[in-house]
N, C-alpha and C. Protein backbone atom coordinates (compact mmCIF):
# COMPACT_ATOMS: atom_id res chain seq x y z
N MET A 1 8.80 -14.35 9.12
CA MET A 1 8.10 -13.51 8.18
C MET A 1 8.82 -13.54 6.84
N LYS A 2 8.03 -13.56 5.77
CA LYS A 2 8.60 -13.57 4.43
C LYS A 2 7.88 -12.51 3.60
N ILE A 3 8.66 -11.59 3.03
CA ILE A 3 8.11 -10.50 2.25
C ILE A 3 8.58 -10.63 0.80
N GLY A 4 7.65 -10.54 -0.12
CA GLY A 4 7.98 -10.56 -1.53
C GLY A 4 8.12 -9.15 -2.07
N VAL A 5 8.87 -9.04 -3.14
CA VAL A 5 9.00 -7.77 -3.86
C VAL A 5 8.72 -8.08 -5.33
N LEU A 6 7.75 -7.36 -5.92
CA LEU A 6 7.46 -7.55 -7.33
C LEU A 6 8.72 -7.21 -8.11
N ALA A 7 9.25 -8.18 -8.85
CA ALA A 7 10.59 -8.05 -9.44
C ALA A 7 10.56 -8.15 -10.96
N ILE A 8 9.61 -7.45 -11.57
CA ILE A 8 9.53 -7.49 -13.03
C ILE A 8 10.03 -6.21 -13.68
N GLN A 9 10.15 -5.14 -12.91
CA GLN A 9 10.65 -3.87 -13.43
C GLN A 9 10.82 -2.93 -12.25
N GLY A 10 11.76 -2.02 -12.34
CA GLY A 10 11.92 -1.01 -11.29
C GLY A 10 12.99 -1.36 -10.28
N ASP A 11 12.93 -0.68 -9.13
CA ASP A 11 14.01 -0.78 -8.14
C ASP A 11 13.74 -1.83 -7.06
N PHE A 12 13.38 -3.01 -7.49
CA PHE A 12 13.09 -4.10 -6.54
C PHE A 12 14.33 -4.52 -5.75
N ALA A 13 15.51 -4.48 -6.35
CA ALA A 13 16.73 -4.92 -5.66
C ALA A 13 17.02 -4.07 -4.44
N GLU A 14 16.72 -2.79 -4.50
CA GLU A 14 16.96 -1.90 -3.37
C GLU A 14 16.06 -2.25 -2.18
N HIS A 15 14.79 -2.57 -2.45
CA HIS A 15 13.89 -3.00 -1.37
C HIS A 15 14.37 -4.31 -0.76
N ILE A 16 14.78 -5.24 -1.60
CA ILE A 16 15.26 -6.53 -1.09
C ILE A 16 16.48 -6.32 -0.21
N ALA A 17 17.38 -5.44 -0.59
CA ALA A 17 18.58 -5.16 0.22
C ALA A 17 18.20 -4.62 1.60
N VAL A 18 17.23 -3.69 1.66
CA VAL A 18 16.80 -3.14 2.95
C VAL A 18 16.20 -4.25 3.80
N LEU A 19 15.32 -5.05 3.21
CA LEU A 19 14.68 -6.13 3.97
C LEU A 19 15.70 -7.12 4.50
N LYS A 20 16.68 -7.49 3.68
CA LYS A 20 17.71 -8.42 4.13
C LYS A 20 18.53 -7.82 5.26
N ASN A 21 18.83 -6.52 5.18
CA ASN A 21 19.55 -5.85 6.27
C ASN A 21 18.75 -5.85 7.57
N LEU A 22 17.43 -5.93 7.45
CA LEU A 22 16.56 -6.00 8.64
C LEU A 22 16.36 -7.45 9.09
N GLY A 23 17.00 -8.40 8.41
CA GLY A 23 16.90 -9.80 8.79
C GLY A 23 15.63 -10.48 8.32
N VAL A 24 14.98 -9.94 7.30
CA VAL A 24 13.71 -10.48 6.81
C VAL A 24 13.97 -11.39 5.62
N GLU A 25 13.30 -12.53 5.60
CA GLU A 25 13.37 -13.42 4.44
C GLU A 25 12.61 -12.76 3.29
N THR A 26 13.19 -12.80 2.09
CA THR A 26 12.58 -12.14 0.94
C THR A 26 12.39 -13.11 -0.22
N ALA A 27 11.56 -12.69 -1.16
CA ALA A 27 11.36 -13.46 -2.39
C ALA A 27 11.10 -12.48 -3.52
N GLU A 28 11.70 -12.76 -4.68
CA GLU A 28 11.40 -11.99 -5.87
C GLU A 28 10.16 -12.59 -6.51
N VAL A 29 9.17 -11.73 -6.77
CA VAL A 29 7.89 -12.19 -7.33
C VAL A 29 7.84 -11.82 -8.81
N ARG A 30 7.75 -12.85 -9.64
CA ARG A 30 7.62 -12.66 -11.09
C ARG A 30 6.46 -13.46 -11.67
N LEU A 31 6.01 -14.46 -10.94
CA LEU A 31 4.92 -15.34 -11.40
C LEU A 31 3.93 -15.54 -10.26
N PRO A 32 2.68 -15.89 -10.56
CA PRO A 32 1.69 -16.11 -9.50
C PRO A 32 2.15 -17.07 -8.41
N ALA A 33 2.84 -18.13 -8.75
CA ALA A 33 3.29 -19.11 -7.76
C ALA A 33 4.25 -18.51 -6.75
N HIS A 34 4.93 -17.43 -7.12
CA HIS A 34 5.89 -16.79 -6.21
C HIS A 34 5.20 -16.08 -5.04
N LEU A 35 3.89 -15.92 -5.09
CA LEU A 35 3.14 -15.29 -3.99
C LEU A 35 2.88 -16.27 -2.84
N ASP A 36 3.02 -17.56 -3.10
CA ASP A 36 2.74 -18.57 -2.08
C ASP A 36 3.66 -18.40 -0.88
N GLY A 37 3.08 -18.40 0.31
CA GLY A 37 3.85 -18.35 1.54
C GLY A 37 4.33 -16.97 1.95
N LEU A 38 3.91 -15.92 1.24
CA LEU A 38 4.34 -14.57 1.59
C LEU A 38 3.40 -13.95 2.62
N ASP A 39 3.98 -13.14 3.50
CA ASP A 39 3.20 -12.40 4.49
C ASP A 39 2.87 -10.99 4.00
N GLY A 40 3.62 -10.50 3.04
CA GLY A 40 3.41 -9.17 2.50
C GLY A 40 4.14 -9.02 1.19
N LEU A 41 3.84 -7.93 0.49
CA LEU A 41 4.41 -7.70 -0.83
C LEU A 41 4.68 -6.22 -1.03
N ILE A 42 5.84 -5.91 -1.61
CA ILE A 42 6.18 -4.54 -1.97
C ILE A 42 6.13 -4.40 -3.48
N LEU A 43 5.43 -3.37 -3.94
CA LEU A 43 5.37 -3.00 -5.36
C LEU A 43 6.33 -1.82 -5.52
N PRO A 44 7.47 -2.01 -6.15
CA PRO A 44 8.51 -0.98 -6.16
C PRO A 44 8.23 0.16 -7.15
N GLY A 45 9.07 1.19 -7.04
CA GLY A 45 9.06 2.26 -8.03
C GLY A 45 9.59 1.73 -9.35
N GLY A 46 9.34 2.47 -10.39
CA GLY A 46 9.74 2.10 -11.74
C GLY A 46 8.87 2.88 -12.70
N GLU A 47 8.25 2.20 -13.62
CA GLU A 47 7.35 2.84 -14.58
C GLU A 47 6.02 2.09 -14.49
N SER A 48 4.99 2.77 -14.01
CA SER A 48 3.73 2.10 -13.67
C SER A 48 3.05 1.45 -14.88
N THR A 49 3.11 2.08 -16.03
CA THR A 49 2.48 1.48 -17.21
C THR A 49 3.19 0.18 -17.58
N THR A 50 4.51 0.19 -17.54
CA THR A 50 5.28 -1.02 -17.85
C THR A 50 5.00 -2.11 -16.83
N ILE A 51 4.97 -1.75 -15.55
CA ILE A 51 4.67 -2.73 -14.50
C ILE A 51 3.31 -3.37 -14.77
N GLY A 52 2.31 -2.54 -15.06
CA GLY A 52 0.97 -3.06 -15.32
C GLY A 52 0.92 -3.97 -16.53
N LYS A 53 1.56 -3.56 -17.62
CA LYS A 53 1.55 -4.40 -18.83
C LYS A 53 2.27 -5.72 -18.59
N LEU A 54 3.38 -5.70 -17.87
CA LEU A 54 4.10 -6.95 -17.58
C LEU A 54 3.27 -7.86 -16.66
N CYS A 55 2.55 -7.28 -15.72
CA CYS A 55 1.68 -8.09 -14.86
C CYS A 55 0.57 -8.75 -15.68
N VAL A 56 0.05 -8.05 -16.67
CA VAL A 56 -0.93 -8.66 -17.57
C VAL A 56 -0.27 -9.81 -18.33
N ASP A 57 0.91 -9.56 -18.91
CA ASP A 57 1.62 -10.59 -19.70
C ASP A 57 1.95 -11.83 -18.88
N PHE A 58 2.27 -11.66 -17.58
CA PHE A 58 2.65 -12.79 -16.73
C PHE A 58 1.47 -13.33 -15.91
N ASN A 59 0.24 -12.91 -16.28
CA ASN A 59 -0.97 -13.36 -15.58
C ASN A 59 -0.91 -13.11 -14.08
N LEU A 60 -0.39 -11.95 -13.71
CA LEU A 60 -0.24 -11.60 -12.30
C LEU A 60 -1.34 -10.70 -11.75
N LEU A 61 -2.11 -10.03 -12.60
CA LEU A 61 -3.08 -9.05 -12.09
C LEU A 61 -4.06 -9.65 -11.09
N GLU A 62 -4.76 -10.69 -11.47
CA GLU A 62 -5.76 -11.27 -10.56
C GLU A 62 -5.12 -11.89 -9.31
N PRO A 63 -4.01 -12.64 -9.44
CA PRO A 63 -3.38 -13.16 -8.22
C PRO A 63 -2.91 -12.03 -7.27
N LEU A 64 -2.42 -10.93 -7.83
CA LEU A 64 -2.01 -9.80 -6.98
C LEU A 64 -3.21 -9.16 -6.29
N ARG A 65 -4.31 -9.02 -7.02
CA ARG A 65 -5.54 -8.47 -6.41
C ARG A 65 -6.02 -9.36 -5.27
N ALA A 66 -6.03 -10.66 -5.50
CA ALA A 66 -6.47 -11.59 -4.46
C ALA A 66 -5.54 -11.53 -3.26
N PHE A 67 -4.24 -11.46 -3.51
CA PHE A 67 -3.25 -11.35 -2.43
C PHE A 67 -3.54 -10.12 -1.58
N GLY A 68 -3.78 -8.98 -2.23
CA GLY A 68 -4.00 -7.73 -1.53
C GLY A 68 -5.27 -7.67 -0.71
N LYS A 69 -6.19 -8.59 -0.94
CA LYS A 69 -7.42 -8.63 -0.14
C LYS A 69 -7.19 -9.21 1.24
N THR A 70 -6.12 -10.00 1.40
CA THR A 70 -5.91 -10.67 2.69
C THR A 70 -4.56 -10.38 3.33
N ARG A 71 -3.64 -9.79 2.57
CA ARG A 71 -2.30 -9.57 3.11
C ARG A 71 -1.81 -8.16 2.81
N ALA A 72 -0.73 -7.79 3.47
CA ALA A 72 -0.19 -6.44 3.37
C ALA A 72 0.50 -6.21 2.02
N VAL A 73 0.22 -5.05 1.42
CA VAL A 73 0.86 -4.65 0.17
C VAL A 73 1.26 -3.18 0.31
N TRP A 74 2.48 -2.87 -0.10
CA TRP A 74 3.00 -1.50 -0.06
C TRP A 74 3.48 -1.12 -1.45
N GLY A 75 2.94 -0.05 -1.99
CA GLY A 75 3.37 0.47 -3.27
C GLY A 75 4.16 1.75 -3.10
N THR A 76 5.39 1.78 -3.65
CA THR A 76 6.21 2.99 -3.59
C THR A 76 6.29 3.60 -4.98
N CYS A 77 6.01 4.89 -5.09
CA CYS A 77 6.09 5.66 -6.33
C CYS A 77 5.23 4.98 -7.41
N ALA A 78 5.83 4.38 -8.42
CA ALA A 78 5.04 3.70 -9.46
C ALA A 78 4.18 2.60 -8.85
N GLY A 79 4.67 1.95 -7.80
CA GLY A 79 3.89 0.93 -7.11
C GLY A 79 2.63 1.49 -6.48
N ALA A 80 2.69 2.74 -6.00
CA ALA A 80 1.50 3.40 -5.44
C ALA A 80 0.48 3.65 -6.55
N ILE A 81 0.95 4.04 -7.72
CA ILE A 81 0.04 4.23 -8.86
C ILE A 81 -0.63 2.90 -9.20
N PHE A 82 0.16 1.84 -9.30
CA PHE A 82 -0.34 0.52 -9.66
C PHE A 82 -1.36 0.00 -8.63
N LEU A 83 -1.20 0.35 -7.37
CA LEU A 83 -2.09 -0.07 -6.29
C LEU A 83 -3.42 0.68 -6.33
N SER A 84 -3.43 1.89 -6.87
CA SER A 84 -4.58 2.79 -6.79
C SER A 84 -5.78 2.33 -7.63
N LYS A 85 -6.94 2.90 -7.26
CA LYS A 85 -8.15 2.66 -8.06
C LYS A 85 -8.22 3.58 -9.26
N ASP A 86 -7.50 4.70 -9.24
CA ASP A 86 -7.60 5.67 -10.32
C ASP A 86 -6.28 6.40 -10.51
N SER A 87 -5.74 6.34 -11.73
CA SER A 87 -4.53 7.09 -12.07
C SER A 87 -4.82 8.13 -13.15
N ARG A 88 -6.10 8.33 -13.43
CA ARG A 88 -6.54 9.32 -14.41
C ARG A 88 -6.01 9.07 -15.82
N ARG A 89 -5.70 7.80 -16.10
CA ARG A 89 -5.34 7.43 -17.47
C ARG A 89 -5.62 5.94 -17.66
N ASP A 90 -5.67 5.52 -18.89
CA ASP A 90 -5.98 4.13 -19.20
C ASP A 90 -4.70 3.30 -19.11
N GLN A 91 -4.59 2.53 -18.04
CA GLN A 91 -3.45 1.64 -17.85
C GLN A 91 -3.87 0.53 -16.89
N PRO A 92 -3.23 -0.63 -16.94
CA PRO A 92 -3.58 -1.70 -16.00
C PRO A 92 -3.21 -1.30 -14.57
N LEU A 93 -4.18 -1.42 -13.67
CA LEU A 93 -4.00 -1.12 -12.25
C LEU A 93 -4.54 -2.28 -11.42
N LEU A 94 -4.01 -2.45 -10.22
CA LEU A 94 -4.62 -3.41 -9.30
C LEU A 94 -5.98 -2.90 -8.84
N GLY A 95 -6.07 -1.59 -8.61
CA GLY A 95 -7.35 -0.99 -8.26
C GLY A 95 -7.89 -1.45 -6.92
N ILE A 96 -7.00 -1.72 -5.95
CA ILE A 96 -7.47 -2.24 -4.67
C ILE A 96 -7.37 -1.22 -3.53
N MET A 97 -6.79 -0.06 -3.78
CA MET A 97 -6.68 0.96 -2.73
C MET A 97 -7.48 2.18 -3.15
N ASP A 98 -8.30 2.68 -2.23
CA ASP A 98 -9.20 3.80 -2.51
C ASP A 98 -8.46 5.13 -2.55
N ILE A 99 -7.55 5.25 -3.50
CA ILE A 99 -6.83 6.51 -3.69
C ILE A 99 -6.84 6.86 -5.18
N THR A 100 -6.80 8.16 -5.44
CA THR A 100 -6.63 8.67 -6.80
C THR A 100 -5.24 9.27 -6.86
N VAL A 101 -4.49 8.89 -7.88
CA VAL A 101 -3.08 9.29 -7.98
C VAL A 101 -2.84 10.02 -9.29
N GLU A 102 -2.08 11.09 -9.22
CA GLU A 102 -1.64 11.80 -10.43
C GLU A 102 -0.19 11.44 -10.69
N ARG A 103 0.07 10.85 -11.85
CA ARG A 103 1.42 10.45 -12.23
C ARG A 103 2.29 11.68 -12.46
N ASN A 104 3.60 11.55 -12.20
CA ASN A 104 4.59 12.61 -12.48
C ASN A 104 4.08 13.99 -12.06
N ALA A 105 3.51 14.09 -10.88
CA ALA A 105 2.85 15.32 -10.43
C ALA A 105 3.80 16.50 -10.29
N PHE A 106 5.08 16.23 -10.12
CA PHE A 106 6.04 17.31 -9.90
C PHE A 106 6.83 17.63 -11.16
N GLY A 107 6.55 16.93 -12.24
CA GLY A 107 7.24 17.20 -13.49
C GLY A 107 8.26 16.13 -13.84
N ARG A 108 9.23 16.52 -14.63
CA ARG A 108 10.21 15.60 -15.18
C ARG A 108 11.28 15.22 -14.15
N GLN A 109 12.19 14.38 -14.56
CA GLN A 109 13.27 13.88 -13.71
C GLN A 109 14.05 15.03 -13.05
N VAL A 110 14.27 16.12 -13.76
CA VAL A 110 15.05 17.23 -13.20
C VAL A 110 14.32 17.93 -12.07
N GLU A 111 13.03 17.72 -11.94
CA GLU A 111 12.27 18.31 -10.83
C GLU A 111 12.21 17.39 -9.61
N SER A 112 12.97 16.31 -9.62
CA SER A 112 13.04 15.42 -8.46
C SER A 112 13.58 16.21 -7.27
N PHE A 113 13.18 15.82 -6.05
CA PHE A 113 13.57 16.59 -4.87
C PHE A 113 13.54 15.71 -3.62
N GLU A 114 14.00 16.27 -2.52
CA GLU A 114 13.97 15.62 -1.22
C GLU A 114 13.25 16.53 -0.24
N ALA A 115 12.57 15.94 0.74
CA ALA A 115 11.83 16.73 1.73
C ALA A 115 11.75 15.97 3.04
N ASP A 116 11.75 16.70 4.14
CA ASP A 116 11.54 16.11 5.46
C ASP A 116 10.06 16.10 5.77
N LEU A 117 9.55 14.92 6.16
CA LEU A 117 8.12 14.74 6.40
C LEU A 117 7.86 14.37 7.85
N ALA A 118 6.78 14.90 8.38
CA ALA A 118 6.28 14.46 9.69
C ALA A 118 5.35 13.27 9.42
N ILE A 119 5.72 12.10 9.96
CA ILE A 119 4.89 10.91 9.79
C ILE A 119 4.63 10.32 11.17
N PRO A 120 3.48 10.67 11.79
CA PRO A 120 3.19 10.24 13.16
C PRO A 120 3.32 8.73 13.38
N GLU A 121 2.98 7.91 12.37
CA GLU A 121 3.06 6.46 12.53
C GLU A 121 4.48 5.97 12.77
N LEU A 122 5.47 6.72 12.34
CA LEU A 122 6.86 6.33 12.57
C LEU A 122 7.31 6.74 13.96
N ASP A 123 6.67 7.74 14.53
CA ASP A 123 6.70 8.13 15.95
C ASP A 123 8.06 8.02 16.63
N GLU A 124 9.04 8.64 16.08
CA GLU A 124 10.33 8.68 16.77
C GLU A 124 10.80 10.10 16.98
N GLY A 125 9.88 11.06 16.82
CA GLY A 125 10.21 12.44 17.11
C GLY A 125 11.12 13.13 16.12
N LYS A 126 11.46 12.47 15.04
CA LYS A 126 12.28 13.14 14.03
C LYS A 126 11.63 12.96 12.67
N PRO A 127 11.82 13.94 11.79
CA PRO A 127 11.18 13.83 10.48
C PRO A 127 11.77 12.70 9.65
N TYR A 128 11.00 12.27 8.68
CA TYR A 128 11.45 11.24 7.75
C TYR A 128 11.94 11.95 6.49
N HIS A 129 13.19 11.71 6.11
CA HIS A 129 13.76 12.35 4.93
C HIS A 129 13.37 11.52 3.70
N ALA A 130 12.52 12.10 2.86
CA ALA A 130 11.95 11.39 1.72
C ALA A 130 12.56 11.86 0.41
N ILE A 131 12.74 10.91 -0.51
CA ILE A 131 13.28 11.19 -1.84
C ILE A 131 12.17 10.99 -2.88
N PHE A 132 11.91 12.03 -3.66
CA PHE A 132 10.86 12.03 -4.67
C PHE A 132 11.51 12.08 -6.05
N ILE A 133 11.26 11.05 -6.88
CA ILE A 133 11.83 10.98 -8.23
C ILE A 133 10.68 10.80 -9.22
N ARG A 134 10.45 11.82 -10.05
CA ARG A 134 9.30 11.79 -10.97
C ARG A 134 8.06 11.28 -10.25
N ALA A 135 7.85 11.80 -9.08
CA ALA A 135 6.89 11.24 -8.13
C ALA A 135 5.43 11.56 -8.47
N PRO A 136 4.56 10.61 -8.13
CA PRO A 136 3.13 10.88 -8.20
C PRO A 136 2.70 11.64 -6.94
N ILE A 137 1.51 12.15 -6.98
CA ILE A 137 0.90 12.73 -5.78
C ILE A 137 -0.38 11.94 -5.55
N ILE A 138 -0.75 11.74 -4.32
CA ILE A 138 -2.02 11.10 -4.00
C ILE A 138 -3.03 12.23 -3.94
N GLU A 139 -3.80 12.39 -5.01
CA GLU A 139 -4.74 13.51 -5.12
C GLU A 139 -5.81 13.46 -4.05
N SER A 140 -6.30 12.24 -3.78
CA SER A 140 -7.37 12.11 -2.80
C SER A 140 -7.40 10.70 -2.24
N VAL A 141 -7.96 10.62 -1.04
CA VAL A 141 -8.21 9.33 -0.39
C VAL A 141 -9.72 9.23 -0.19
N GLN A 142 -10.26 8.04 -0.42
CA GLN A 142 -11.70 7.82 -0.27
C GLN A 142 -11.93 6.61 0.63
N GLY A 143 -13.19 6.40 0.96
CA GLY A 143 -13.56 5.21 1.72
C GLY A 143 -12.76 5.09 3.01
N GLU A 144 -12.12 3.93 3.20
CA GLU A 144 -11.36 3.68 4.42
C GLU A 144 -9.92 4.14 4.34
N ALA A 145 -9.49 4.63 3.18
CA ALA A 145 -8.11 5.11 3.04
C ALA A 145 -7.96 6.42 3.81
N ARG A 146 -6.75 6.65 4.33
CA ARG A 146 -6.47 7.90 5.04
C ARG A 146 -5.05 8.35 4.74
N ALA A 147 -4.86 9.65 4.80
CA ALA A 147 -3.53 10.22 4.56
C ALA A 147 -2.63 9.92 5.76
N MET A 148 -1.37 9.59 5.48
CA MET A 148 -0.35 9.38 6.52
C MET A 148 0.65 10.51 6.56
N ALA A 149 0.93 11.11 5.40
CA ALA A 149 1.92 12.19 5.34
C ALA A 149 1.57 13.13 4.20
N THR A 150 1.87 14.41 4.44
CA THR A 150 1.66 15.43 3.42
C THR A 150 2.90 16.31 3.32
N LEU A 151 3.02 16.96 2.19
CA LEU A 151 4.04 17.99 2.03
C LEU A 151 3.56 19.24 2.78
N ALA A 152 4.41 20.22 2.90
CA ALA A 152 4.07 21.46 3.61
C ALA A 152 2.84 22.14 3.00
N ASP A 153 2.63 21.96 1.69
CA ASP A 153 1.49 22.59 1.02
C ASP A 153 0.21 21.76 1.13
N GLY A 154 0.25 20.65 1.86
CA GLY A 154 -0.94 19.84 2.10
C GLY A 154 -1.16 18.70 1.13
N ARG A 155 -0.35 18.59 0.07
CA ARG A 155 -0.52 17.48 -0.86
C ARG A 155 -0.12 16.16 -0.22
N ILE A 156 -0.93 15.13 -0.43
CA ILE A 156 -0.74 13.83 0.22
C ILE A 156 0.36 13.05 -0.49
N VAL A 157 1.32 12.51 0.29
CA VAL A 157 2.42 11.73 -0.27
C VAL A 157 2.53 10.34 0.35
N ALA A 158 1.68 10.02 1.31
CA ALA A 158 1.62 8.66 1.87
C ALA A 158 0.20 8.42 2.38
N ALA A 159 -0.28 7.20 2.19
CA ALA A 159 -1.63 6.86 2.62
C ALA A 159 -1.67 5.40 3.05
N ARG A 160 -2.70 5.10 3.85
CA ARG A 160 -2.89 3.72 4.31
C ARG A 160 -4.38 3.39 4.28
N GLN A 161 -4.66 2.15 3.94
CA GLN A 161 -6.02 1.61 3.98
C GLN A 161 -5.91 0.19 4.49
N GLY A 162 -6.18 -0.01 5.76
CA GLY A 162 -6.01 -1.35 6.35
C GLY A 162 -4.57 -1.80 6.22
N ARG A 163 -4.34 -2.90 5.49
CA ARG A 163 -2.99 -3.44 5.32
C ARG A 163 -2.33 -2.96 4.02
N LEU A 164 -2.96 -1.99 3.36
CA LEU A 164 -2.41 -1.43 2.13
C LEU A 164 -1.75 -0.09 2.44
N VAL A 165 -0.55 0.12 1.91
CA VAL A 165 0.20 1.36 2.13
C VAL A 165 0.69 1.86 0.78
N ALA A 166 0.63 3.18 0.58
CA ALA A 166 1.13 3.79 -0.65
C ALA A 166 2.00 4.99 -0.29
N THR A 167 3.18 5.09 -0.92
CA THR A 167 4.04 6.25 -0.73
C THR A 167 4.46 6.79 -2.09
N SER A 168 4.48 8.11 -2.21
CA SER A 168 4.93 8.77 -3.44
C SER A 168 6.44 8.77 -3.55
N PHE A 169 7.11 8.55 -2.44
CA PHE A 169 8.56 8.64 -2.36
C PHE A 169 9.20 7.26 -2.29
N HIS A 170 10.54 7.26 -2.20
CA HIS A 170 11.34 6.04 -2.29
C HIS A 170 12.09 5.76 -0.97
N PRO A 171 11.47 5.11 0.02
CA PRO A 171 12.17 4.80 1.26
C PRO A 171 13.36 3.86 1.09
N GLU A 172 13.37 3.08 0.03
CA GLU A 172 14.47 2.14 -0.20
C GLU A 172 15.76 2.83 -0.60
N LEU A 173 15.70 4.12 -0.89
CA LEU A 173 16.89 4.87 -1.31
C LEU A 173 17.53 5.67 -0.18
N THR A 174 17.01 5.51 1.03
CA THR A 174 17.57 6.22 2.18
C THR A 174 18.11 5.21 3.19
N PRO A 175 19.01 5.66 4.08
CA PRO A 175 19.49 4.75 5.13
C PRO A 175 18.48 4.56 6.27
N ASP A 176 17.41 5.32 6.28
CA ASP A 176 16.38 5.27 7.32
C ASP A 176 15.45 4.10 7.03
N THR A 177 15.44 3.10 7.88
CA THR A 177 14.62 1.90 7.65
C THR A 177 13.27 1.95 8.35
N ARG A 178 12.92 3.09 8.94
CA ARG A 178 11.67 3.15 9.70
C ARG A 178 10.44 2.82 8.87
N PHE A 179 10.39 3.23 7.61
CA PHE A 179 9.18 2.94 6.83
C PHE A 179 9.09 1.46 6.50
N HIS A 180 10.21 0.82 6.21
CA HIS A 180 10.19 -0.63 5.98
C HIS A 180 9.75 -1.35 7.27
N GLN A 181 10.25 -0.90 8.41
CA GLN A 181 9.85 -1.51 9.68
C GLN A 181 8.36 -1.32 9.92
N TYR A 182 7.85 -0.14 9.58
CA TYR A 182 6.42 0.12 9.71
C TYR A 182 5.62 -0.85 8.84
N PHE A 183 6.05 -1.03 7.59
CA PHE A 183 5.34 -1.96 6.71
C PHE A 183 5.38 -3.38 7.28
N LEU A 184 6.52 -3.79 7.80
CA LEU A 184 6.61 -5.12 8.39
C LEU A 184 5.59 -5.30 9.52
N SER A 185 5.36 -4.23 10.29
CA SER A 185 4.37 -4.33 11.38
C SER A 185 2.96 -4.50 10.83
N THR A 186 2.67 -3.98 9.64
CA THR A 186 1.34 -4.17 9.05
C THR A 186 1.19 -5.59 8.49
N ALA A 187 2.30 -6.23 8.17
CA ALA A 187 2.26 -7.58 7.58
C ALA A 187 2.16 -8.67 8.64
N LYS A 188 2.35 -8.32 9.91
CA LYS A 188 2.31 -9.34 10.97
C LYS A 188 0.89 -9.84 11.20
């Protein structure tokens, strides 16, 4: 299995480190040709507007959309925004996942927080400790998309639609590799 990580902005190095620790072959994706031979792709956290503009500049938008129609894609934080069909503002999006996302839903950097989440798909009987940094919220899921995890107040922070996964939080910043392992199972 070979998993790519969009490596034009954001915390791509952290995802690559987790994947390598799991024994997975990785590739940094910066150009359309870098998608060749990949089984899945991670869109990392960072700044979603910058990620979108750089994908336009590097002619990556259409190749990424085509990739996401047949293979697994996981967007974390800004990557979840980029994956969504609606971010409630004018910015380049892949628009391939039936979710509406609100950017910076919890406020500024100083409002970043951590929370324990019940995520049945990880199914190991213990909560997943999630790190939220200037995090978006998944306002709604439509069509075939479904919520995977919510905060105690019911706001959606993880969703799945077929082989597409979106998380508001940063699994690459924790020692818990269960979410990366879950994504790998969707890419098989």
